[in-house]
Amino acid sequence: MLPSFIRRRQRSEDPLAPDRKNWADELMTRLLFVIFMVFGAGGFLMFLGGSLVSRLSVSETSTS
């Protein structure tokens, strides 16, 4: 609710502001999306690696 109100005020003051704001918003959302995707994939791979390592260590201790 607050960001839209701020955007409306900026639009009424400067007609060129919305284009710059939209471009910056799009860039920030894309960067955040890429960062979250990288962190999500990294966390998922770490989770898979941790589960595999724990399984291997459990199998090694059970066989020995």
PDB file of N, CA and C in Angstrom:
ATOM      1  N   MET A   1       0.835  -1.197   0.000  1.00  0.00           N
ATOM      2  CA  MET A   1       0.000   0.000   0.000  1.00  0.00           C
ATOM      3  C   MET A   1       0.881   1.262   0.000  1.00  0.00           C
ATOM      4  N   LEU A   2       1.912   1.263   0.821  1.00  0.00           N
ATOM      5  CA  LEU A   2       2.769   2.444   0.917  1.00  0.00           C
ATOM      6  C   LEU A   2       3.578   2.688  -0.359  1.00  0.00           C
ATOM      7  N   PRO A   3       4.223   1.656  -0.948  1.00  0.00           N
ATOM      8  CA  PRO A   3       5.004   1.905  -2.171  1.00  0.00           C
ATOM      9  C   PRO A   3       4.164   2.475  -3.306  1.00  0.00           C
ATOM     10  N   SER A   4       2.925   1.987  -3.490  1.00  0.00           N
ATOM     11  CA  SER A   4       2.091   2.509  -4.577  1.00  0.00           C
ATOM     12  C   SER A   4       1.773   3.988  -4.334  1.00  0.00           C
ATOM     13  N   PHE A   5       1.539   4.353  -3.074  1.00  0.00           N
ATOM     14  CA  PHE A   5       1.267   5.761  -2.765  1.00  0.00           C
ATOM     15  C   PHE A   5       2.485   6.622  -3.093  1.00  0.00           C
ATOM     16  N   ILE A   6       3.674   6.137  -2.748  1.00  0.00           N
ATOM     17  CA  ILE A   6       4.894   6.891  -3.051  1.00  0.00           C
ATOM     18  C   ILE A   6       5.069   7.012  -4.567  1.00  0.00           C
ATOM     19  N   ARG A   7       4.806   5.927  -5.293  1.00  0.00           N
ATOM     20  CA  ARG A   7       4.950   5.976  -6.750  1.00  0.00           C
ATOM     21  C   ARG A   7       3.971   6.977  -7.357  1.00  0.00           C
ATOM     22  N   ARG A   8       2.737   7.002  -6.854  1.00  0.00           N
ATOM     23  CA  ARG A   8       1.752   7.936  -7.396  1.00  0.00           C
ATOM     24  C   ARG A   8       2.222   9.376  -7.175  1.00  0.00           C
ATOM     25  N   ARG A   9       2.780   9.653  -6.002  1.00  0.00           N
ATOM     26  CA  ARG A   9       3.239  11.006  -5.714  1.00  0.00           C
ATOM     27  C   ARG A   9       4.389  11.380  -6.653  1.00  0.00           C
ATOM     28  N   GLN A  10       5.318  10.453  -6.880  1.00  0.00           N
ATOM     29  CA  GLN A  10       6.432  10.742  -7.777  1.00  0.00           C
ATOM     30  C   GLN A  10       5.940  10.981  -9.204  1.00  0.00           C
ATOM     31  N   ARG A  11       4.924  10.219  -9.628  1.00  0.00           N
ATOM     32  CA  ARG A  11       4.397  10.389 -10.984  1.00  0.00           C
ATOM     33  C   ARG A  11       3.805  11.793 -11.155  1.00  0.00           C
ATOM     34  N   SER A  12       3.061  12.252 -10.151  1.00  0.00           N
ATOM     35  CA  SER A  12       2.425  13.564 -10.276  1.00  0.00           C
ATOM     36  C   SER A  12       3.485  14.676 -10.289  1.00  0.00           C
ATOM     37  N   GLU A  13       4.628  14.448  -9.622  1.00  0.00           N
ATOM     38  CA  GLU A  13       5.663  15.480  -9.588  1.00  0.00           C
ATOM     39  C   GLU A  13       6.482  15.500 -10.881  1.00  0.00           C
ATOM     40  N   ASP A  14       6.959  14.314 -11.317  1.00  0.00           N
ATOM     41  CA  ASP A  14       7.857  14.262 -12.469  1.00  0.00           C
ATOM     42  C   ASP A  14       7.353  13.222 -13.466  1.00  0.00           C
ATOM     43  N   PRO A  15       7.054  13.617 -14.706  1.00  0.00           N
ATOM     44  CA  PRO A  15       6.541  12.636 -15.678  1.00  0.00           C
ATOM     45  C   PRO A  15       7.589  11.612 -16.103  1.00  0.00           C
ATOM     46  N   LEU A  16       8.883  11.921 -15.930  1.00  0.00           N
ATOM     47  CA  LEU A  16       9.921  10.971 -16.329  1.00  0.00           C
ATOM     48  C   LEU A  16      10.265   9.988 -15.215  1.00  0.00           C
ATOM     49  N   ALA A  17       9.794  10.241 -14.013  1.00  0.00           N
ATOM     50  CA  ALA A  17      10.147   9.377 -12.882  1.00  0.00           C
ATOM     51  C   ALA A  17       9.615   7.950 -13.030  1.00  0.00           C
ATOM     52  N   PRO A  18       8.372   7.737 -13.504  1.00  0.00           N
ATOM     53  CA  PRO A  18       7.860   6.359 -13.545  1.00  0.00           C
ATOM     54  C   PRO A  18       8.703   5.428 -14.408  1.00  0.00           C
ATOM     55  N   ASP A  19       9.203   5.930 -15.557  1.00  0.00           N
ATOM     56  CA  ASP A  19      10.001   5.066 -16.425  1.00  0.00           C
ATOM     57  C   ASP A  19      11.272   4.624 -15.708  1.00  0.00           C
ATOM     58  N   ARG A  20      11.957   5.577 -15.099  1.00  0.00           N
ATOM     59  CA  ARG A  20      13.176   5.218 -14.378  1.00  0.00           C
ATOM     60  C   ARG A  20      12.856   4.277 -13.220  1.00  0.00           C
ATOM     61  N   LYS A  21      11.763   4.581 -12.510  1.00  0.00           N
ATOM     62  CA  LYS A  21      11.411   3.753 -11.361  1.00  0.00           C
ATOM     63  C   LYS A  21      11.050   2.341 -11.819  1.00  0.00           C
ATOM     64  N   ASN A  22      10.278   2.235 -12.894  1.00  0.00           N
ATOM     65  CA  ASN A  22       9.905   0.911 -13.385  1.00  0.00           C
ATOM     66  C   ASN A  22      11.137   0.143 -13.845  1.00  0.00           C
ATOM     67  N   TRP A  23      12.076   0.834 -14.511  1.00  0.00           N
ATOM     68  CA  TRP A  23      13.292   0.166 -14.971  1.00  0.00           C
ATOM     69  C   TRP A  23      14.110  -0.324 -13.774  1.00  0.00           C
ATOM     70  N   ALA A  24      14.238   0.529 -12.753  1.00  0.00           N
ATOM     71  CA  ALA A  24      14.980   0.130 -11.555  1.00  0.00           C
ATOM     72  C   ALA A  24      14.248  -0.998 -10.831  1.00  0.00           C
ATOM     73  N   ASP A  25      12.924  -0.902 -10.766  1.00  0.00           N
ATOM     74  CA  ASP A  25      12.148  -1.966 -10.114  1.00  0.00           C
ATOM     75  C   ASP A  25      12.337  -3.287 -10.833  1.00  0.00           C
ATOM     76  N   GLU A  26      12.272  -3.252 -12.172  1.00  0.00           N
ATOM     77  CA  GLU A  26      12.427  -4.483 -12.947  1.00  0.00           C
ATOM     78  C   GLU A  26      13.816  -5.070 -12.744  1.00  0.00           C
ATOM     79  N   LEU A  27      14.833  -4.197 -12.752  1.00  0.00           N
ATOM     80  CA  LEU A  27      16.201  -4.672 -12.554  1.00  0.00           C
ATOM     81  C   LEU A  27      16.365  -5.293 -11.171  1.00  0.00           C
ATOM     82  N   MET A  28      15.830  -4.627 -10.148  1.00  0.00           N
ATOM     83  CA  MET A  28      15.957  -5.150  -8.786  1.00  0.00           C
ATOM     84  C   MET A  28      15.218  -6.472  -8.638  1.00  0.00           C
ATOM     85  N   THR A  29      14.013  -6.575  -9.212  1.00  0.00           N
ATOM     86  CA  THR A  29      13.265  -7.828  -9.088  1.00  0.00           C
ATOM     87  C   THR A  29      13.991  -8.947  -9.815  1.00  0.00           C
ATOM     88  N   ARG A  30      14.577  -8.651 -10.970  1.00  0.00           N
ATOM     89  CA  ARG A  30      15.327  -9.688 -11.688  1.00  0.00           C
ATOM     90  C   ARG A  30      16.544 -10.117 -10.886  1.00  0.00           C
ATOM     91  N   LEU A  31      17.267  -9.151 -10.311  1.00  0.00           N
ATOM     92  CA  LEU A  31      18.444  -9.490  -9.507  1.00  0.00           C
ATOM     93  C   LEU A  31      18.038 -10.320  -8.296  1.00  0.00           C
ATOM     94  N   LEU A  32      16.968  -9.913  -7.613  1.00  0.00           N
ATOM     95  CA  LEU A  32      16.512 -10.666  -6.444  1.00  0.00           C
ATOM     96  C   LEU A  32      16.092 -12.067  -6.851  1.00  0.00           C
ATOM     97  N   PHE A  33      15.400 -12.194  -7.996  1.00  0.00           N
ATOM     98  CA  PHE A  33      14.960 -13.507  -8.464  1.00  0.00           C
ATOM     99  C   PHE A  33      16.163 -14.400  -8.740  1.00  0.00           C
ATOM    100  N   VAL A  34      17.182 -13.849  -9.425  1.00  0.00           N
ATOM    101  CA  VAL A  34      18.382 -14.640  -9.730  1.00  0.00           C
ATOM    102  C   VAL A  34      19.093 -15.041  -8.443  1.00  0.00           C
ATOM    103  N   ILE A  35      19.199 -14.094  -7.495  1.00  0.00           N
ATOM    104  CA  ILE A  35      19.884 -14.398  -6.232  1.00  0.00           C
ATOM    105  C   ILE A  35      19.141 -15.490  -5.478  1.00  0.00           C
ATOM    106  N   PHE A  36      17.801 -15.378  -5.417  1.00  0.00           N
ATOM    107  CA  PHE A  36      17.028 -16.402  -4.707  1.00  0.00           C
ATOM    108  C   PHE A  36      17.130 -17.744  -5.410  1.00  0.00           C
ATOM    109  N   MET A  37      17.151 -17.745  -6.743  1.00  0.00           N
ATOM    110  CA  MET A  37      17.277 -18.998  -7.485  1.00  0.00           C
ATOM    111  C   MET A  37      18.633 -19.645  -7.190  1.00  0.00           C
ATOM    112  N   VAL A  38      19.701 -18.832  -7.191  1.00  0.00           N
ATOM    113  CA  VAL A  38      21.039 -19.379  -6.928  1.00  0.00           C
ATOM    114  C   VAL A  38      21.113 -19.930  -5.513  1.00  0.00           C
ATOM    115  N   PHE A  39      20.601 -19.152  -4.543  1.00  0.00           N
ATOM    116  CA  PHE A  39      20.638 -19.622  -3.160  1.00  0.00           C
ATOM    117  C   PHE A  39      19.771 -20.859  -2.982  1.00  0.00           C
ATOM    118  N   GLY A  40      18.620 -20.896  -3.639  1.00  0.00           N
ATOM    119  CA  GLY A  40      17.743 -22.061  -3.537  1.00  0.00           C
ATOM    120  C   GLY A  40      18.398 -23.299  -4.118  1.00  0.00           C
ATOM    121  N   ALA A  41      19.011 -23.151  -5.302  1.00  0.00           N
ATOM    122  CA  ALA A  41      19.680 -24.297  -5.922  1.00  0.00           C
ATOM    123  C   ALA A  41      20.873 -24.732  -5.069  1.00  0.00           C
ATOM    124  N   GLY A  42      21.639 -23.773  -4.550  1.00  0.00           N
ATOM    125  CA  GLY A  42      22.778 -24.113  -3.703  1.00  0.00           C
ATOM    126  C   GLY A  42      22.342 -24.815  -2.429  1.00  0.00           C
ATOM    127  N   GLY A  43      21.288 -24.316  -1.809  1.00  0.00           N
ATOM    128  CA  GLY A  43      20.781 -24.961  -0.599  1.00  0.00           C
ATOM    129  C   GLY A  43      20.269 -26.357  -0.881  1.00  0.00           C
ATOM    130  N   PHE A  44      19.594 -26.526  -2.025  1.00  0.00           N
ATOM    131  CA  PHE A  44      19.077 -27.852  -2.388  1.00  0.00           C
ATOM    132  C   PHE A  44      20.229 -28.818  -2.631  1.00  0.00           C
ATOM    133  N   LEU A  45      21.266 -28.364  -3.338  1.00  0.00           N
ATOM    134  CA  LEU A  45      22.421 -29.230  -3.594  1.00  0.00           C
ATOM    135  C   LEU A  45      23.139 -29.556  -2.291  1.00  0.00           C
ATOM    136  N   MET A  46      23.260 -28.578  -1.396  1.00  0.00           N
ATOM    137  CA  MET A  46      23.904 -28.845  -0.107  1.00  0.00           C
ATOM    138  C   MET A  46      23.090 -29.846   0.691  1.00  0.00           C
ATOM    139  N   PHE A  47      21.749 -29.729   0.623  1.00  0.00           N
ATOM    140  CA  PHE A  47      20.886 -30.677   1.326  1.00  0.00           C
ATOM    141  C   PHE A  47      21.066 -32.078   0.755  1.00  0.00           C
ATOM    142  N   LEU A  48      21.104 -32.196  -0.570  1.00  0.00           N
ATOM    143  CA  LEU A  48      21.308 -33.508  -1.200  1.00  0.00           C
ATOM    144  C   LEU A  48      22.681 -34.059  -0.828  1.00  0.00           C
ATOM    145  N   GLY A  49      23.713 -33.220  -0.904  1.00  0.00           N
ATOM    146  CA  GLY A  49      25.057 -33.672  -0.556  1.00  0.00           C
ATOM    147  C   GLY A  49      25.140 -34.100   0.899  1.00  0.00           C
ATOM    148  N   GLY A  50      24.514 -33.343   1.791  1.00  0.00           N
ATOM    149  CA  GLY A  50      24.534 -33.707   3.209  1.00  0.00           C
ATOM    150  C   GLY A  50      23.825 -35.022   3.459  1.00  0.00           C
ATOM    151  N   SER A  51      22.692 -35.237   2.790  1.00  0.00           N
ATOM    152  CA  SER A  51      21.970 -36.498   2.987  1.00  0.00           C
ATOM    153  C   SER A  51      22.783 -37.662   2.427  1.00  0.00           C
ATOM    154  N   LEU A  52      23.440 -37.458   1.289  1.00  0.00           N
ATOM    155  CA  LEU A  52      24.260 -38.531   0.714  1.00  0.00           C
ATOM    156  C   LEU A  52      25.445 -38.839   1.623  1.00  0.00           C
ATOM    157  N   VAL A  53      26.099 -37.802   2.139  1.00  0.00           N
ATOM    158  CA  VAL A  53      27.249 -38.009   3.024  1.00  0.00           C
ATOM    159  C   VAL A  53      26.810 -38.719   4.294  1.00  0.00           C
ATOM    160  N   SER A  54      25.665 -38.319   4.844  1.00  0.00           N
ATOM    161  CA  SER A  54      25.196 -38.969   6.070  1.00  0.00           C
ATOM    162  C   SER A  54      24.868 -40.435   5.788  1.00  0.00           C
ATOM    163  N   ARG A  55      24.279 -40.717   4.630  1.00  0.00           N
ATOM    164  CA  ARG A  55      23.979 -42.113   4.292  1.00  0.00           C
ATOM    165  C   ARG A  55      25.263 -42.912   4.135  1.00  0.00           C
ATOM    166  N   LEU A  56      26.261 -42.324   3.466  1.00  0.00           N
ATOM    167  CA  LEU A  56      27.529 -43.035   3.275  1.00  0.00           C
ATOM    168  C   LEU A  56      28.204 -43.282   4.623  1.00  0.00           C
ATOM    169  N   SER A  57      28.201 -42.283   5.488  1.00  0.00           N
ATOM    170  CA  SER A  57      28.853 -42.457   6.789  1.00  0.00           C
ATOM    171  C   SER A  57      28.104 -43.502   7.609  1.00  0.00           C
ATOM    172  N   VAL A  58      26.779 -43.520   7.527  1.00  0.00           N
ATOM    173  CA  VAL A  58      26.002 -44.515   8.264  1.00  0.00           C
ATOM    174  C   VAL A  58      26.290 -45.906   7.720  1.00  0.00           C
ATOM    175  N   SER A  59      26.366 -46.034   6.388  1.00  0.00           N
ATOM    176  CA  SER A  59      26.634 -47.355   5.803  1.00  0.00           C
ATOM    177  C   SER A  59      28.052 -47.805   6.162  1.00  0.00           C
ATOM    178  N   GLU A  60      29.015 -46.872   6.194  1.00  0.00           N
ATOM    179  CA  GLU A  60      30.384 -47.246   6.554  1.00  0.00           C
ATOM    180  C   GLU A  60      30.451 -47.703   8.005  1.00  0.00           C
ATOM    181  N   THR A  61      29.775 -47.015   8.895  1.00  0.00           N
ATOM    182  CA  THR A  61      29.839 -47.396  10.309  1.00  0.00           C
ATOM    183  C   THR A  61      29.096 -48.709  10.538  1.00  0.00           C
ATOM    184  N   SER A  62      28.032 -48.959   9.778  1.00  0.00           N
ATOM    185  CA  SER A  62      27.283 -50.200   9.987  1.00  0.00           C
ATOM    186  C   SER A  62      28.058 -51.392   9.438  1.00  0.00           C
ATOM    187  N   THR A  63      28.821 -51.225   8.346  1.00  0.00           N
ATOM    188  CA  THR A  63      29.563 -52.355   7.773  1.00  0.00           C
ATOM    189  C   THR A  63      30.809 -52.654   8.598  1.00  0.00           C
ATOM    190  N   SER A  64      31.438 -51.637   9.193  1.00  0.00           N
ATOM    191  CA  SER A  64      32.686 -51.871   9.920  1.00  0.00           C
ATOM    192  C   SER A  64      32.442 -52.495  11.291  1.00  0.00           C
TER     193      SER A  64
END
